[in-house]
N, C-alpha and C. Protein backbone atom coordinates (compact mmCIF):
# COMPACT_ATOMS: atom_id res chain seq x y z
N MET A 1 0.82 -1.20 0.00
CA MET A 1 0.00 0.00 0.00
C MET A 1 0.86 1.26 0.00
N GLU A 2 1.94 1.24 0.78
CA GLU A 2 2.76 2.43 0.87
C GLU A 2 3.47 2.72 -0.46
N LEU A 3 3.84 1.68 -1.21
CA LEU A 3 4.46 1.89 -2.51
C LEU A 3 3.51 2.66 -3.43
N ARG A 4 2.28 2.26 -3.46
CA ARG A 4 1.27 2.93 -4.28
C ARG A 4 1.12 4.39 -3.85
N THR A 5 1.14 4.62 -2.54
CA THR A 5 1.01 5.98 -2.02
C THR A 5 2.17 6.86 -2.49
N TRP A 6 3.39 6.36 -2.40
CA TRP A 6 4.54 7.15 -2.81
C TRP A 6 4.62 7.35 -4.31
N LEU A 7 4.18 6.35 -5.07
CA LEU A 7 4.11 6.54 -6.52
C LEU A 7 3.10 7.64 -6.87
N LEU A 8 1.96 7.63 -6.21
CA LEU A 8 0.94 8.65 -6.46
C LEU A 8 1.43 10.03 -6.04
N ARG A 9 2.03 10.12 -4.86
CA ARG A 9 2.55 11.41 -4.40
C ARG A 9 3.61 11.94 -5.36
N GLY A 10 4.55 11.08 -5.71
CA GLY A 10 5.62 11.49 -6.61
C GLY A 10 5.08 11.93 -7.96
N THR A 11 4.09 11.19 -8.47
CA THR A 11 3.50 11.50 -9.76
C THR A 11 2.79 12.85 -9.74
N LEU A 12 1.98 13.08 -8.73
CA LEU A 12 1.22 14.33 -8.66
C LEU A 12 2.12 15.54 -8.45
N VAL A 13 3.06 15.40 -7.54
CA VAL A 13 3.99 16.52 -7.31
C VAL A 13 4.86 16.72 -8.54
N GLY A 14 5.25 15.64 -9.20
CA GLY A 14 6.03 15.75 -10.43
C GLY A 14 5.28 16.46 -11.53
N LEU A 15 3.98 16.14 -11.67
CA LEU A 15 3.16 16.81 -12.68
C LEU A 15 3.14 18.32 -12.44
N VAL A 16 2.92 18.71 -11.20
CA VAL A 16 2.79 20.14 -10.89
C VAL A 16 4.16 20.84 -10.93
N VAL A 17 5.13 20.31 -10.17
CA VAL A 17 6.41 21.01 -10.04
C VAL A 17 7.28 20.82 -11.27
N LEU A 18 7.50 19.57 -11.67
CA LEU A 18 8.41 19.30 -12.79
C LEU A 18 7.74 19.52 -14.15
N GLY A 19 6.48 19.14 -14.27
CA GLY A 19 5.78 19.30 -15.54
C GLY A 19 5.38 20.73 -15.82
N ILE A 20 4.44 21.23 -15.02
CA ILE A 20 3.97 22.61 -15.21
C ILE A 20 5.09 23.61 -14.91
N GLY A 21 5.79 23.39 -13.80
CA GLY A 21 6.91 24.28 -13.46
C GLY A 21 8.01 24.25 -14.51
N GLY A 22 8.29 23.07 -15.05
CA GLY A 22 9.30 22.95 -16.10
C GLY A 22 8.91 23.69 -17.36
N ARG A 23 7.63 23.60 -17.72
CA ARG A 23 7.17 24.32 -18.92
C ARG A 23 7.25 25.83 -18.72
N LEU A 24 6.85 26.28 -17.54
CA LEU A 24 6.96 27.71 -17.24
C LEU A 24 8.42 28.16 -17.23
N LEU A 25 9.29 27.34 -16.69
CA LEU A 25 10.71 27.66 -16.65
C LEU A 25 11.29 27.73 -18.06
N MET A 26 10.81 26.88 -18.94
CA MET A 26 11.25 26.94 -20.34
C MET A 26 10.88 28.28 -20.97
N ARG A 27 9.70 28.78 -20.64
CA ARG A 27 9.27 30.08 -21.16
C ARG A 27 10.16 31.20 -20.61
N VAL A 28 10.47 31.12 -19.34
CA VAL A 28 11.34 32.13 -18.72
C VAL A 28 12.71 32.12 -19.38
N ILE A 29 13.26 30.94 -19.62
CA ILE A 29 14.57 30.83 -20.26
C ILE A 29 14.53 31.38 -21.67
N ALA A 30 13.46 31.09 -22.41
CA ALA A 30 13.33 31.63 -23.77
C ALA A 30 13.31 33.16 -23.76
N HIS A 31 12.63 33.75 -22.79
CA HIS A 31 12.61 35.21 -22.69
C HIS A 31 13.98 35.75 -22.28
N MET A 32 14.65 35.06 -21.38
CA MET A 32 15.98 35.49 -20.95
C MET A 32 16.98 35.47 -22.10
N GLU A 33 16.82 34.52 -23.00
CA GLU A 33 17.74 34.39 -24.13
C GLU A 33 17.31 35.23 -25.32
N ASN A 34 16.25 36.02 -25.15
CA ASN A 34 15.75 36.92 -26.20
C ASN A 34 15.54 36.20 -27.53
N ARG A 35 14.89 35.08 -27.46
CA ARG A 35 14.60 34.36 -28.70
C ARG A 35 13.54 35.11 -29.48
N ALA A 36 13.79 35.26 -30.77
CA ALA A 36 12.88 36.04 -31.61
C ALA A 36 11.52 35.37 -31.75
N VAL A 37 11.52 34.07 -31.93
CA VAL A 37 10.27 33.34 -32.10
C VAL A 37 10.01 32.51 -30.84
N LEU A 38 8.96 32.86 -30.15
CA LEU A 38 8.59 32.12 -28.95
C LEU A 38 7.43 31.19 -29.30
N VAL A 39 7.73 29.93 -29.44
CA VAL A 39 6.74 28.96 -29.89
C VAL A 39 6.25 28.16 -28.68
N LEU A 40 4.96 28.08 -28.56
CA LEU A 40 4.34 27.28 -27.51
C LEU A 40 3.34 26.36 -28.20
N THR A 41 3.69 25.07 -28.27
CA THR A 41 2.81 24.11 -28.94
C THR A 41 2.16 23.18 -27.93
N ILE A 42 1.02 22.67 -28.30
CA ILE A 42 0.32 21.71 -27.42
C ILE A 42 1.14 20.44 -27.30
N GLN A 43 1.69 19.97 -28.41
CA GLN A 43 2.49 18.74 -28.37
C GLN A 43 3.72 18.92 -27.47
N GLY A 44 4.39 20.04 -27.57
CA GLY A 44 5.55 20.30 -26.72
C GLY A 44 5.17 20.38 -25.25
N THR A 45 4.05 21.05 -24.97
CA THR A 45 3.57 21.17 -23.59
C THR A 45 3.22 19.81 -23.02
N LEU A 46 2.52 18.99 -23.80
CA LEU A 46 2.15 17.66 -23.32
C LEU A 46 3.38 16.79 -23.09
N THR A 47 4.39 16.95 -23.94
CA THR A 47 5.64 16.20 -23.76
C THR A 47 6.31 16.56 -22.45
N VAL A 48 6.39 17.86 -22.15
CA VAL A 48 7.02 18.31 -20.91
C VAL A 48 6.19 17.86 -19.70
N LEU A 49 4.88 17.96 -19.79
CA LEU A 49 4.02 17.50 -18.68
C LEU A 49 4.20 16.01 -18.45
N PHE A 50 4.25 15.23 -19.51
CA PHE A 50 4.44 13.79 -19.39
C PHE A 50 5.80 13.46 -18.78
N ALA A 51 6.84 14.13 -19.27
CA ALA A 51 8.19 13.90 -18.74
C ALA A 51 8.27 14.25 -17.25
N GLY A 52 7.65 15.36 -16.87
CA GLY A 52 7.63 15.75 -15.45
C GLY A 52 6.88 14.75 -14.60
N THR A 53 5.80 14.22 -15.14
CA THR A 53 5.00 13.24 -14.40
C THR A 53 5.76 11.94 -14.22
N VAL A 54 6.43 11.48 -15.28
CA VAL A 54 7.21 10.25 -15.19
C VAL A 54 8.40 10.44 -14.25
N ALA A 55 9.07 11.58 -14.36
CA ALA A 55 10.19 11.86 -13.47
C ALA A 55 9.71 11.93 -12.01
N GLY A 56 8.52 12.46 -11.80
CA GLY A 56 7.95 12.50 -10.45
C GLY A 56 7.66 11.11 -9.92
N ALA A 57 7.11 10.24 -10.77
CA ALA A 57 6.84 8.85 -10.36
C ALA A 57 8.14 8.15 -10.00
N LEU A 58 9.19 8.39 -10.79
CA LEU A 58 10.50 7.80 -10.50
C LEU A 58 11.02 8.30 -9.15
N GLY A 59 10.85 9.59 -8.89
CA GLY A 59 11.27 10.14 -7.60
C GLY A 59 10.50 9.53 -6.44
N GLY A 60 9.20 9.33 -6.61
CA GLY A 60 8.41 8.68 -5.57
C GLY A 60 8.87 7.26 -5.32
N LEU A 61 9.22 6.54 -6.37
CA LEU A 61 9.72 5.17 -6.24
C LEU A 61 11.06 5.14 -5.51
N ILE A 62 11.96 6.04 -5.88
CA ILE A 62 13.26 6.13 -5.22
C ILE A 62 13.07 6.45 -3.74
N TYR A 63 12.20 7.41 -3.45
CA TYR A 63 11.99 7.80 -2.06
C TYR A 63 11.39 6.65 -1.24
N TYR A 64 10.47 5.92 -1.83
CA TYR A 64 9.87 4.78 -1.14
C TYR A 64 10.95 3.77 -0.73
N PHE A 65 11.81 3.40 -1.67
CA PHE A 65 12.83 2.40 -1.35
C PHE A 65 13.86 2.93 -0.36
N LEU A 66 14.21 4.20 -0.46
CA LEU A 66 15.13 4.77 0.53
C LEU A 66 14.51 4.78 1.92
N ARG A 67 13.24 5.17 2.01
CA ARG A 67 12.56 5.17 3.32
C ARG A 67 12.47 3.76 3.89
N ARG A 68 12.32 2.80 3.01
CA ARG A 68 12.15 1.42 3.48
C ARG A 68 13.46 0.82 3.98
N PHE A 69 14.57 1.15 3.34
CA PHE A 69 15.83 0.49 3.66
C PHE A 69 16.83 1.35 4.43
N VAL A 70 16.62 2.66 4.48
CA VAL A 70 17.54 3.55 5.20
C VAL A 70 16.80 4.11 6.40
N ARG A 71 17.27 3.81 7.57
CA ARG A 71 16.55 4.21 8.79
C ARG A 71 16.91 5.59 9.32
N GLN A 72 18.09 6.10 8.98
CA GLN A 72 18.46 7.43 9.48
C GLN A 72 17.91 8.49 8.51
N PRO A 73 17.08 9.40 9.02
CA PRO A 73 16.44 10.38 8.14
C PRO A 73 17.42 11.24 7.33
N TRP A 74 18.50 11.68 7.95
CA TRP A 74 19.42 12.55 7.23
C TRP A 74 20.15 11.80 6.12
N VAL A 75 20.41 10.52 6.31
CA VAL A 75 21.04 9.70 5.27
C VAL A 75 20.06 9.49 4.13
N CYS A 76 18.80 9.23 4.48
CA CYS A 76 17.76 9.04 3.48
C CYS A 76 17.60 10.30 2.62
N THR A 77 17.53 11.44 3.26
CA THR A 77 17.38 12.71 2.54
C THR A 77 18.59 13.00 1.66
N SER A 78 19.78 12.80 2.21
CA SER A 78 21.01 13.06 1.45
C SER A 78 21.11 12.14 0.23
N ALA A 79 20.81 10.88 0.43
CA ALA A 79 20.87 9.92 -0.68
C ALA A 79 19.82 10.26 -1.73
N PHE A 80 18.63 10.64 -1.28
CA PHE A 80 17.55 10.99 -2.21
C PHE A 80 17.96 12.18 -3.08
N ILE A 81 18.50 13.20 -2.46
CA ILE A 81 18.93 14.38 -3.21
C ILE A 81 20.05 14.02 -4.18
N ALA A 82 21.03 13.28 -3.72
CA ALA A 82 22.17 12.93 -4.58
C ALA A 82 21.74 12.07 -5.76
N ILE A 83 20.97 11.04 -5.51
CA ILE A 83 20.53 10.15 -6.59
C ILE A 83 19.67 10.90 -7.60
N TYR A 84 18.69 11.63 -7.11
CA TYR A 84 17.75 12.29 -8.02
C TYR A 84 18.41 13.42 -8.81
N GLU A 85 19.26 14.19 -8.16
CA GLU A 85 19.93 15.28 -8.87
C GLU A 85 20.88 14.73 -9.94
N LEU A 86 21.50 13.58 -9.70
CA LEU A 86 22.32 12.96 -10.73
C LEU A 86 21.48 12.53 -11.93
N ILE A 87 20.28 12.03 -11.66
CA ILE A 87 19.38 11.66 -12.76
C ILE A 87 18.97 12.91 -13.54
N ILE A 88 18.61 13.97 -12.84
CA ILE A 88 18.23 15.21 -13.50
C ILE A 88 19.41 15.79 -14.29
N TRP A 89 20.59 15.69 -13.72
CA TRP A 89 21.80 16.20 -14.38
C TRP A 89 21.98 15.55 -15.75
N GLN A 90 21.67 14.26 -15.85
CA GLN A 90 21.78 13.57 -17.14
C GLN A 90 20.89 14.22 -18.19
N GLY A 91 19.75 14.75 -17.78
CA GLY A 91 18.83 15.36 -18.72
C GLY A 91 19.17 16.79 -19.10
N VAL A 92 19.92 17.49 -18.26
CA VAL A 92 20.16 18.92 -18.51
C VAL A 92 21.63 19.27 -18.72
N HIS A 93 22.52 18.30 -18.72
CA HIS A 93 23.95 18.61 -18.79
C HIS A 93 24.38 19.24 -20.12
N THR A 94 23.56 19.15 -21.14
CA THR A 94 23.93 19.76 -22.43
C THR A 94 23.45 21.22 -22.55
N LEU A 95 22.69 21.70 -21.58
CA LEU A 95 22.20 23.08 -21.62
C LEU A 95 23.30 24.05 -21.22
N LEU A 96 23.05 25.32 -21.45
CA LEU A 96 23.95 26.37 -20.97
C LEU A 96 23.93 26.39 -19.45
N PRO A 97 24.97 26.93 -18.82
CA PRO A 97 25.07 26.87 -17.35
C PRO A 97 23.87 27.44 -16.59
N ARG A 98 23.37 28.61 -16.97
CA ARG A 98 22.27 29.21 -16.23
C ARG A 98 20.99 28.35 -16.31
N PRO A 99 20.56 27.90 -17.49
CA PRO A 99 19.40 27.01 -17.55
C PRO A 99 19.63 25.69 -16.80
N GLN A 100 20.85 25.18 -16.82
CA GLN A 100 21.17 23.97 -16.04
C GLN A 100 20.85 24.19 -14.57
N LEU A 101 21.36 25.28 -14.05
CA LEU A 101 21.15 25.58 -12.63
C LEU A 101 19.67 25.81 -12.32
N MET A 102 18.97 26.43 -13.24
CA MET A 102 17.54 26.69 -13.01
C MET A 102 16.75 25.38 -12.96
N PHE A 103 17.05 24.45 -13.86
CA PHE A 103 16.35 23.17 -13.84
C PHE A 103 16.77 22.31 -12.65
N MET A 104 18.04 22.39 -12.26
CA MET A 104 18.48 21.66 -11.07
C MET A 104 17.80 22.22 -9.82
N ALA A 105 17.61 23.54 -9.78
CA ALA A 105 16.90 24.16 -8.65
C ALA A 105 15.43 23.74 -8.64
N LEU A 106 14.81 23.65 -9.80
CA LEU A 106 13.42 23.20 -9.88
C LEU A 106 13.30 21.77 -9.36
N ALA A 107 14.25 20.92 -9.73
CA ALA A 107 14.25 19.54 -9.23
C ALA A 107 14.44 19.53 -7.72
N LEU A 108 15.24 20.44 -7.20
CA LEU A 108 15.44 20.52 -5.76
C LEU A 108 14.16 20.91 -5.04
N VAL A 109 13.36 21.78 -5.64
CA VAL A 109 12.05 22.13 -5.08
C VAL A 109 11.19 20.88 -4.97
N TYR A 110 11.17 20.08 -6.04
CA TYR A 110 10.43 18.81 -6.03
C TYR A 110 10.92 17.91 -4.89
N LEU A 111 12.25 17.79 -4.76
CA LEU A 111 12.83 16.93 -3.73
C LEU A 111 12.47 17.38 -2.33
N VAL A 112 12.49 18.67 -2.10
CA VAL A 112 12.15 19.21 -0.78
C VAL A 112 10.69 18.92 -0.44
N ILE A 113 9.80 19.07 -1.42
CA ILE A 113 8.38 18.80 -1.18
C ILE A 113 8.17 17.33 -0.85
N ILE A 114 8.77 16.43 -1.63
CA ILE A 114 8.61 15.00 -1.38
C ILE A 114 9.20 14.62 -0.03
N ASP A 115 10.37 15.14 0.28
CA ASP A 115 10.98 14.82 1.58
C ASP A 115 10.16 15.37 2.73
N ALA A 116 9.59 16.56 2.57
CA ALA A 116 8.74 17.12 3.62
C ALA A 116 7.49 16.26 3.82
N MET A 117 6.94 15.74 2.73
CA MET A 117 5.79 14.84 2.85
C MET A 117 6.20 13.57 3.60
N GLY A 118 7.40 13.08 3.34
CA GLY A 118 7.88 11.88 4.01
C GLY A 118 8.14 12.08 5.48
N ARG A 119 8.58 13.24 5.84
CA ARG A 119 8.87 13.51 7.26
C ARG A 119 7.59 13.67 8.08
N HIS A 120 6.49 14.01 7.42
CA HIS A 120 5.23 14.15 8.14
C HIS A 120 4.44 12.85 8.18
N CYS A 121 4.93 11.84 7.49
CA CYS A 121 4.27 10.53 7.51
C CYS A 121 5.12 9.60 8.36
N PRO A 122 4.52 8.91 9.31
CA PRO A 122 5.32 8.00 10.13
C PRO A 122 5.87 6.87 9.28
N VAL A 123 7.09 6.47 9.60
CA VAL A 123 7.69 5.34 8.91
C VAL A 123 6.92 4.09 9.30
N ALA A 124 6.60 3.28 8.32
CA ALA A 124 5.81 2.08 8.58
C ALA A 124 6.58 1.13 9.50
N ASN A 125 5.85 0.48 10.35
CA ASN A 125 6.51 -0.46 11.23
C ASN A 125 6.84 -1.74 10.47
N LYS A 126 7.59 -2.61 11.10
CA LYS A 126 8.10 -3.80 10.43
C LYS A 126 6.96 -4.72 9.95
N GLU A 127 5.89 -4.83 10.71
CA GLU A 127 4.80 -5.73 10.31
C GLU A 127 4.11 -5.25 9.04
N SER A 128 3.89 -3.94 8.93
CA SER A 128 3.22 -3.44 7.73
C SER A 128 4.12 -3.54 6.51
N LEU A 129 5.45 -3.43 6.71
CA LEU A 129 6.36 -3.58 5.59
C LEU A 129 6.38 -5.02 5.08
N GLU A 130 6.30 -5.98 6.01
CA GLU A 130 6.29 -7.38 5.61
C GLU A 130 4.99 -7.74 4.91
N ALA A 131 3.92 -7.06 5.24
CA ALA A 131 2.62 -7.35 4.61
C ALA A 131 2.57 -6.83 3.19
N ALA A 132 3.38 -5.81 2.90
CA ALA A 132 3.38 -5.21 1.55
C ALA A 132 4.10 -6.03 0.58
């Protein structure tokens, strides 16, 4: 049950923060770079929303397994940030430095929200983990 919960949380937060936030951030970057033609397509928007949603689900899955196997909260949080930011880095490492940092910061916002949700939920006891 808890796996499903974390997948859902990760997916929803990913849709909002990484999907919608990512699309808005793309618009900000386009304006910052003074691009002459600012194109906003439905297909492009849906692609970014889908990518953010999938990335969010992956983050929820990573967080679930870290919570399950790592008992020290600070180690869990540190590992979650390191693993997820490395994954995000793979997607943005070809961008210019400023957009790289902006997308890495957006991913950090996602990570903070997910970790805050995890800190407010009690860690499942051993019996409920074995039942899952």
